[in-house]
PDB file of all heavy atoms in Angstrom:
ATOM      1  N   LEU A   1       1.387  23.571 -15.225  1.00  0.00           N
ATOM      2  CA  LEU A   1       2.861  23.488 -15.019  1.00  0.00           C
ATOM      3  C   LEU A   1       3.312  23.987 -13.652  1.00  0.00           C
ATOM      4  O   LEU A   1       4.212  23.475 -13.070  1.00  0.00           O
ATOM      5  CB  LEU A   1       3.572  24.269 -16.134  1.00  0.00           C
ATOM      6  CG  LEU A   1       3.517  23.642 -17.538  1.00  0.00           C
ATOM      7  CD1 LEU A   1       4.126  24.588 -18.558  1.00  0.00           C
ATOM      8  CD2 LEU A   1       4.319  22.338 -17.573  1.00  0.00           C
ATOM      9  N   SER A   2       2.674  25.064 -13.165  1.00  0.00           N
ATOM     10  CA  SER A   2       3.030  25.614 -11.878  1.00  0.00           C
ATOM     11  C   SER A   2       2.547  24.713 -10.725  1.00  0.00           C
ATOM     12  O   SER A   2       3.188  24.727  -9.636  1.00  0.00           O
ATOM     13  CB  SER A   2       2.501  27.012 -11.727  1.00  0.00           C
ATOM     14  OG  SER A   2       1.053  26.988 -11.657  1.00  0.00           O
ATOM     15  N   LEU A   3       1.504  23.959 -10.943  1.00  0.00           N
ATOM     16  CA  LEU A   3       1.015  23.056  -9.884  1.00  0.00           C
ATOM     17  C   LEU A   3       1.874  21.835  -9.703  1.00  0.00           C
ATOM     18  O   LEU A   3       1.975  21.334  -8.564  1.00  0.00           O
ATOM     19  CB  LEU A   3      -0.429  22.635 -10.294  1.00  0.00           C
ATOM     20  CG  LEU A   3      -1.598  23.428  -9.795  1.00  0.00           C
ATOM     21  CD1 LEU A   3      -2.876  23.019 -10.459  1.00  0.00           C
ATOM     22  CD2 LEU A   3      -1.730  23.395  -8.272  1.00  0.00           C
ATOM     23  N   ARG A   4       2.492  21.365 -10.751  1.00  0.00           N
ATOM     24  CA  ARG A   4       3.198  20.055 -10.659  1.00  0.00           C
ATOM     25  C   ARG A   4       4.244  20.014  -9.582  1.00  0.00           C
ATOM     26  O   ARG A   4       4.280  19.073  -8.772  1.00  0.00           O
ATOM     27  CB  ARG A   4       3.838  19.750 -12.017  1.00  0.00           C
ATOM     28  CG  ARG A   4       2.795  19.369 -13.065  1.00  0.00           C
ATOM     29  CD  ARG A   4       3.433  19.073 -14.431  1.00  0.00           C
ATOM     30  NE  ARG A   4       2.457  18.904 -15.475  1.00  0.00           N
ATOM     31  CZ  ARG A   4       2.801  18.748 -16.762  1.00  0.00           C
ATOM     32  NH1 ARG A   4       4.071  18.681 -17.114  1.00  0.00           N
ATOM     33  NH2 ARG A   4       1.843  18.626 -17.658  1.00  0.00           N
ATOM     34  N   PRO A   5       5.157  21.019  -9.479  1.00  0.00           N
ATOM     35  CA  PRO A   5       6.190  20.923  -8.411  1.00  0.00           C
ATOM     36  C   PRO A   5       5.605  21.001  -7.016  1.00  0.00           C
ATOM     37  O   PRO A   5       6.080  20.379  -6.101  1.00  0.00           O
ATOM     38  CB  PRO A   5       7.063  22.140  -8.721  1.00  0.00           C
ATOM     39  CG  PRO A   5       6.296  23.059  -9.572  1.00  0.00           C
ATOM     40  CD  PRO A   5       5.411  22.168 -10.382  1.00  0.00           C
ATOM     41  N   VAL A   6       4.484  21.740  -6.865  1.00  0.00           N
ATOM     42  CA  VAL A   6       3.843  21.854  -5.575  1.00  0.00           C
ATOM     43  C   VAL A   6       3.274  20.489  -5.143  1.00  0.00           C
ATOM     44  O   VAL A   6       3.420  20.052  -3.996  1.00  0.00           O
ATOM     45  CB  VAL A   6       2.753  22.931  -5.605  1.00  0.00           C
ATOM     46  CG1 VAL A   6       2.045  22.994  -4.205  1.00  0.00           C
ATOM     47  CG2 VAL A   6       3.342  24.294  -5.896  1.00  0.00           C
ATOM     48  N   LEU A   7       2.601  19.843  -6.065  1.00  0.00           N
ATOM     49  CA  LEU A   7       2.057  18.520  -5.795  1.00  0.00           C
ATOM     50  C   LEU A   7       3.153  17.477  -5.551  1.00  0.00           C
ATOM     51  O   LEU A   7       2.977  16.567  -4.667  1.00  0.00           O
ATOM     52  CB  LEU A   7       1.187  18.076  -6.962  1.00  0.00           C
ATOM     53  CG  LEU A   7      -0.049  18.924  -7.276  1.00  0.00           C
ATOM     54  CD1 LEU A   7      -0.788  18.418  -8.502  1.00  0.00           C
ATOM     55  CD2 LEU A   7      -0.998  18.992  -6.078  1.00  0.00           C
ATOM     56  N   GLU A   8       4.267  17.619  -6.236  1.00  0.00           N
ATOM     57  CA  GLU A   8       5.418  16.726  -5.973  1.00  0.00           C
ATOM     58  C   GLU A   8       5.988  16.932  -4.594  1.00  0.00           C
ATOM     59  O   GLU A   8       6.329  15.952  -3.855  1.00  0.00           O
ATOM     60  CB  GLU A   8       6.495  16.917  -7.031  1.00  0.00           C
ATOM     61  CG  GLU A   8       6.107  16.400  -8.420  1.00  0.00           C
ATOM     62  CD  GLU A   8       7.092  16.794  -9.503  1.00  0.00           C
ATOM     63  OE1 GLU A   8       8.119  17.418  -9.147  1.00  0.00           O
ATOM     64  OE2 GLU A   8       6.871  16.489 -10.677  1.00  0.00           O
ATOM     65  N   SER A   9       6.088  18.164  -4.183  1.00  0.00           N
ATOM     66  CA  SER A   9       6.557  18.497  -2.837  1.00  0.00           C
ATOM     67  C   SER A   9       5.627  17.930  -1.777  1.00  0.00           C
ATOM     68  O   SER A   9       6.063  17.398  -0.769  1.00  0.00           O
ATOM     69  CB  SER A   9       6.694  20.033  -2.650  1.00  0.00           C
ATOM     70  OG  SER A   9       7.726  20.516  -3.461  1.00  0.00           O
ATOM     71  N   ALA A  10       4.307  18.052  -2.009  1.00  0.00           N
ATOM     72  CA  ALA A  10       3.320  17.498  -1.070  1.00  0.00           C
ATOM     73  C   ALA A  10       3.506  15.981  -1.004  1.00  0.00           C
ATOM     74  O   ALA A  10       3.375  15.381   0.061  1.00  0.00           O
ATOM     75  CB  ALA A  10       1.921  17.864  -1.482  1.00  0.00           C
ATOM     76  N   GLY A  11       3.747  15.374  -2.133  1.00  0.00           N
ATOM     77  CA  GLY A  11       3.927  13.903  -2.165  1.00  0.00           C
ATOM     78  C   GLY A  11       5.140  13.474  -1.370  1.00  0.00           C
ATOM     79  O   GLY A  11       5.112  12.476  -0.667  1.00  0.00           O
ATOM     80  N   CYS A  12       6.224  14.294  -1.426  1.00  0.00           N
ATOM     81  CA  CYS A  12       7.417  13.993  -0.631  1.00  0.00           C
ATOM     82  C   CYS A  12       7.149  14.115   0.854  1.00  0.00           C
ATOM     83  O   CYS A  12       7.589  13.275   1.663  1.00  0.00           O
ATOM     84  CB  CYS A  12       8.558  14.950  -0.998  1.00  0.00           C
ATOM     85  SG  CYS A  12       9.190  14.716  -2.691  1.00  0.00           S
ATOM     86  N   LEU A  13       6.355  15.105   1.250  1.00  0.00           N
ATOM     87  CA  LEU A  13       6.016  15.284   2.653  1.00  0.00           C
ATOM     88  C   LEU A  13       5.159  14.146   3.148  1.00  0.00           C
ATOM     89  O   LEU A  13       5.310  13.621   4.286  1.00  0.00           O
ATOM     90  CB  LEU A  13       5.290  16.595   2.899  1.00  0.00           C
ATOM     91  CG  LEU A  13       6.124  17.881   2.706  1.00  0.00           C
ATOM     92  CD1 LEU A  13       5.231  19.127   2.890  1.00  0.00           C
ATOM     93  CD2 LEU A  13       7.287  17.945   3.712  1.00  0.00           C
ATOM     94  N   GLU A  14       4.218  13.702   2.281  1.00  0.00           N
ATOM     95  CA  GLU A  14       3.319  12.625   2.654  1.00  0.00           C
ATOM     96  C   GLU A  14       4.084  11.293   2.779  1.00  0.00           C
ATOM     97  O   GLU A  14       3.868  10.524   3.674  1.00  0.00           O
ATOM     98  CB  GLU A  14       2.271  12.436   1.566  1.00  0.00           C
ATOM     99  CG  GLU A  14       1.239  11.337   1.838  1.00  0.00           C
ATOM    100  CD  GLU A  14       0.310  11.648   2.994  1.00  0.00           C
ATOM    101  OE1 GLU A  14      -0.091  12.793   3.147  1.00  0.00           O
ATOM    102  OE2 GLU A  14       0.061  10.734   3.755  1.00  0.00           O
ATOM    103  N   GLN A  15       5.078  11.095   1.877  1.00  0.00           N
ATOM    104  CA  GLN A  15       5.887   9.869   1.932  1.00  0.00           C
ATOM    105  C   GLN A  15       6.705   9.879   3.206  1.00  0.00           C
ATOM    106  O   GLN A  15       6.819   8.801   3.861  1.00  0.00           O
ATOM    107  CB  GLN A  15       6.786   9.816   0.703  1.00  0.00           C
ATOM    108  CG  GLN A  15       7.625   8.541   0.653  1.00  0.00           C
ATOM    109  CD  GLN A  15       8.499   8.507  -0.612  1.00  0.00           C
ATOM    110  OE1 GLN A  15       8.441   9.365  -1.492  1.00  0.00           O
ATOM    111  NE2 GLN A  15       9.306   7.440  -0.740  1.00  0.00           N
ATOM    112  N   THR A  16       7.309  10.979   3.576  1.00  0.00           N
ATOM    113  CA  THR A  16       8.091  11.049   4.795  1.00  0.00           C
ATOM    114  C   THR A  16       7.220  10.779   6.001  1.00  0.00           C
ATOM    115  O   THR A  16       7.626  10.045   6.925  1.00  0.00           O
ATOM    116  CB  THR A  16       8.717  12.452   4.925  1.00  0.00           C
ATOM    117  OG1 THR A  16       9.515  12.757   3.797  1.00  0.00           O
ATOM    118  CG2 THR A  16       9.560  12.558   6.187  1.00  0.00           C
ATOM    119  N   LEU A  17       6.025  11.260   5.968  1.00  0.00           N
ATOM    120  CA  LEU A  17       5.120  11.047   7.073  1.00  0.00           C
ATOM    121  C   LEU A  17       4.714   9.551   7.164  1.00  0.00           C
ATOM    122  O   LEU A  17       4.661   8.995   8.263  1.00  0.00           O
ATOM    123  CB  LEU A  17       3.820  11.889   6.887  1.00  0.00           C
ATOM    124  CG  LEU A  17       2.868  12.065   8.061  1.00  0.00           C
ATOM    125  CD1 LEU A  17       3.591  12.714   9.229  1.00  0.00           C
ATOM    126  CD2 LEU A  17       1.684  12.883   7.667  1.00  0.00           C
ATOM    127  N   THR A  18       4.510   8.905   6.048  1.00  0.00           N
ATOM    128  CA  THR A  18       4.139   7.522   6.011  1.00  0.00           C
ATOM    129  C   THR A  18       5.260   6.606   6.451  1.00  0.00           C
ATOM    130  O   THR A  18       5.064   5.649   7.194  1.00  0.00           O
ATOM    131  CB  THR A  18       3.704   7.130   4.575  1.00  0.00           C
ATOM    132  OG1 THR A  18       2.651   7.927   4.153  1.00  0.00           O
ATOM    133  CG2 THR A  18       3.264   5.648   4.511  1.00  0.00           C
ATOM    134  N   GLU A  19       6.508   6.972   6.055  1.00  0.00           N
ATOM    135  CA  GLU A  19       7.656   6.141   6.446  1.00  0.00           C
ATOM    136  C   GLU A  19       7.926   6.145   7.941  1.00  0.00           C
ATOM    137  O   GLU A  19       8.456   5.212   8.482  1.00  0.00           O
ATOM    138  CB  GLU A  19       8.900   6.684   5.697  1.00  0.00           C
ATOM    139  CG  GLU A  19       8.926   6.380   4.218  1.00  0.00           C
ATOM    140  CD  GLU A  19      10.044   7.071   3.488  1.00  0.00           C
ATOM    141  OE1 GLU A  19      10.750   7.880   4.150  1.00  0.00           O
ATOM    142  OE2 GLU A  19      10.260   6.780   2.322  1.00  0.00           O
ATOM    143  N   LYS A  20       7.426   7.188   8.611  1.00  0.00           N
ATOM    144  CA  LYS A  20       7.672   7.285  10.059  1.00  0.00           C
ATOM    145  C   LYS A  20       6.671   6.521  10.839  1.00  0.00           C
ATOM    146  O   LYS A  20       6.805   6.338  12.079  1.00  0.00           O
ATOM    147  CB  LYS A  20       7.656   8.748  10.483  1.00  0.00           C
ATOM    148  CG  LYS A  20       8.861   9.541  10.008  1.00  0.00           C
ATOM    149  CD  LYS A  20       8.840  10.958  10.594  1.00  0.00           C
ATOM    150  CE  LYS A  20      10.113  11.676  10.168  1.00  0.00           C
ATOM    151  NZ  LYS A  20      10.141  13.074  10.699  1.00  0.00           N
ATOM    152  N   LYS A  21       5.604   6.033  10.231  1.00  0.00           N
ATOM    153  CA  LYS A  21       4.579   5.307  10.947  1.00  0.00           C
ATOM    154  C   LYS A  21       5.069   3.934  11.322  1.00  0.00           C
ATOM    155  O   LYS A  21       5.792   3.275  10.561  1.00  0.00           O
ATOM    156  CB  LYS A  21       3.282   5.146  10.098  1.00  0.00           C
ATOM    157  CG  LYS A  21       2.576   6.464   9.898  1.00  0.00           C
ATOM    158  CD  LYS A  21       1.276   6.268   9.166  1.00  0.00           C
ATOM    159  CE  LYS A  21       0.467   7.545   9.074  1.00  0.00           C
ATOM    160  NZ  LYS A  21      -0.812   7.377   8.405  1.00  0.00           N
ATOM    161  N   PRO A  22       4.746   3.453  12.494  1.00  0.00           N
ATOM    162  CA  PRO A  22       5.179   2.130  12.896  1.00  0.00           C
ATOM    163  C   PRO A  22       4.563   1.039  12.089  1.00  0.00           C
ATOM    164  O   PRO A  22       3.465   1.201  11.540  1.00  0.00           O
ATOM    165  CB  PRO A  22       4.687   2.035  14.370  1.00  0.00           C
ATOM    166  CG  PRO A  22       3.597   3.048  14.503  1.00  0.00           C
ATOM    167  CD  PRO A  22       3.966   4.140  13.494  1.00  0.00           C
ATOM    168  N   SER A  23       5.268  -0.089  11.955  1.00  0.00           N
ATOM    169  CA  SER A  23       4.795  -1.154  11.105  1.00  0.00           C
ATOM    170  C   SER A  23       3.652  -1.994  11.731  1.00  0.00           C
ATOM    171  O   SER A  23       2.947  -2.692  11.081  1.00  0.00           O
ATOM    172  CB  SER A  23       5.961  -2.108  10.741  1.00  0.00           C
ATOM    173  OG  SER A  23       6.541  -2.598  11.936  1.00  0.00           O
ATOM    174  N   SER A  24       3.506  -1.889  13.051  1.00  0.00           N
ATOM    175  CA  SER A  24       2.394  -2.610  13.729  1.00  0.00           C
ATOM    176  C   SER A  24       1.650  -1.617  14.627  1.00  0.00           C
ATOM    177  O   SER A  24       2.098  -0.540  14.892  1.00  0.00           O
ATOM    178  CB  SER A  24       3.018  -3.725  14.594  1.00  0.00           C
ATOM    179  OG  SER A  24       3.946  -3.180  15.507  1.00  0.00           O
ATOM    180  N   ASN A  25       0.472  -2.093  15.097  1.00  0.00           N
ATOM    181  CA  ASN A  25      -0.370  -1.269  15.929  1.00  0.00           C
ATOM    182  C   ASN A  25       0.360  -0.895  17.193  1.00  0.00           C
ATOM    183  O   ASN A  25       0.847  -1.723  17.919  1.00  0.00           O
ATOM    184  CB  ASN A  25      -1.668  -1.984  16.282  1.00  0.00           C
ATOM    185  CG  ASN A  25      -2.602  -2.001  15.091  1.00  0.00           C
ATOM    186  OD1 ASN A  25      -2.445  -1.245  14.130  1.00  0.00           O
ATOM    187  ND2 ASN A  25      -3.595  -2.896  15.112  1.00  0.00           N
ATOM    188  N   ALA A  26       0.362   0.413  17.504  1.00  0.00           N
ATOM    189  CA  ALA A  26       0.949   0.916  18.708  1.00  0.00           C
ATOM    190  C   ALA A  26      -0.003   0.743  19.905  1.00  0.00           C
ATOM    191  O   ALA A  26      -1.194   0.554  19.755  1.00  0.00           O
ATOM    192  CB  ALA A  26       1.327   2.396  18.548  1.00  0.00           C
ATOM    193  N   VAL A  27       0.561   0.780  21.098  1.00  0.00           N
ATOM    194  CA  VAL A  27      -0.267   0.643  22.303  1.00  0.00           C
ATOM    195  C   VAL A  27      -0.954   1.961  22.600  1.00  0.00           C
ATOM    196  O   VAL A  27      -0.313   3.021  22.526  1.00  0.00           O
ATOM    197  CB  VAL A  27       0.625   0.176  23.487  1.00  0.00           C
ATOM    198  CG1 VAL A  27      -0.234   0.098  24.775  1.00  0.00           C
ATOM    199  CG2 VAL A  27       1.259  -1.182  23.165  1.00  0.00           C
ATOM    200  N   VAL A  28      -2.197   1.917  22.937  1.00  0.00           N
ATOM    201  CA  VAL A  28      -2.961   3.131  23.260  1.00  0.00           C
ATOM    202  C   VAL A  28      -2.608   3.598  24.685  1.00  0.00           C
ATOM    203  O   VAL A  28      -2.773   2.799  25.639  1.00  0.00           O
ATOM    204  CB  VAL A  28      -4.472   2.879  23.137  1.00  0.00           C
ATOM    205  CG1 VAL A  28      -5.245   4.145  23.615  1.00  0.00           C
ATOM    206  CG2 VAL A  28      -4.834   2.552  21.716  1.00  0.00           C
ATOM    207  N   ASP A  29      -2.182   4.792  24.861  1.00  0.00           N
ATOM    208  CA  ASP A  29      -1.887   5.370  26.172  1.00  0.00           C
ATOM    209  C   ASP A  29      -3.147   6.061  26.659  1.00  0.00           C
ATOM    210  O   ASP A  29      -3.388   7.219  26.344  1.00  0.00           O
ATOM    211  CB  ASP A  29      -0.700   6.339  26.082  1.00  0.00           C
ATOM    212  CG  ASP A  29      -0.304   6.841  27.474  1.00  0.00           C
ATOM    213  OD1 ASP A  29      -1.050   6.698  28.425  1.00  0.00           O
ATOM    214  OD2 ASP A  29       0.841   7.370  27.592  1.00  0.00           O
ATOM    215  N   ARG A  30      -3.973   5.362  27.431  1.00  0.00           N
ATOM    216  CA  ARG A  30      -5.281   5.848  27.793  1.00  0.00           C
ATOM    217  C   ARG A  30      -5.178   7.139  28.655  1.00  0.00           C
ATOM    218  O   ARG A  30      -6.023   7.999  28.526  1.00  0.00           O
ATOM    219  CB  ARG A  30      -6.058   4.790  28.593  1.00  0.00           C
ATOM    220  CG  ARG A  30      -6.471   3.599  27.725  1.00  0.00           C
ATOM    221  CD  ARG A  30      -7.068   2.473  28.583  1.00  0.00           C
ATOM    222  NE  ARG A  30      -8.182   2.952  29.423  1.00  0.00           N
ATOM    223  CZ  ARG A  30      -9.425   3.016  29.028  1.00  0.00           C
ATOM    224  NH1 ARG A  30      -9.733   2.638  27.805  1.00  0.00           N
ATOM    225  NH2 ARG A  30     -10.369   3.489  29.782  1.00  0.00           N
TER     226      ARG A  30
END
């Protein structure tokens, strides 16, 4: 029971991180 909210919070952080990723391949700045 104590783990569930922590895992949900991690899921929210992961989702936010995923949403910020560009939809196509970015150009590599060598």
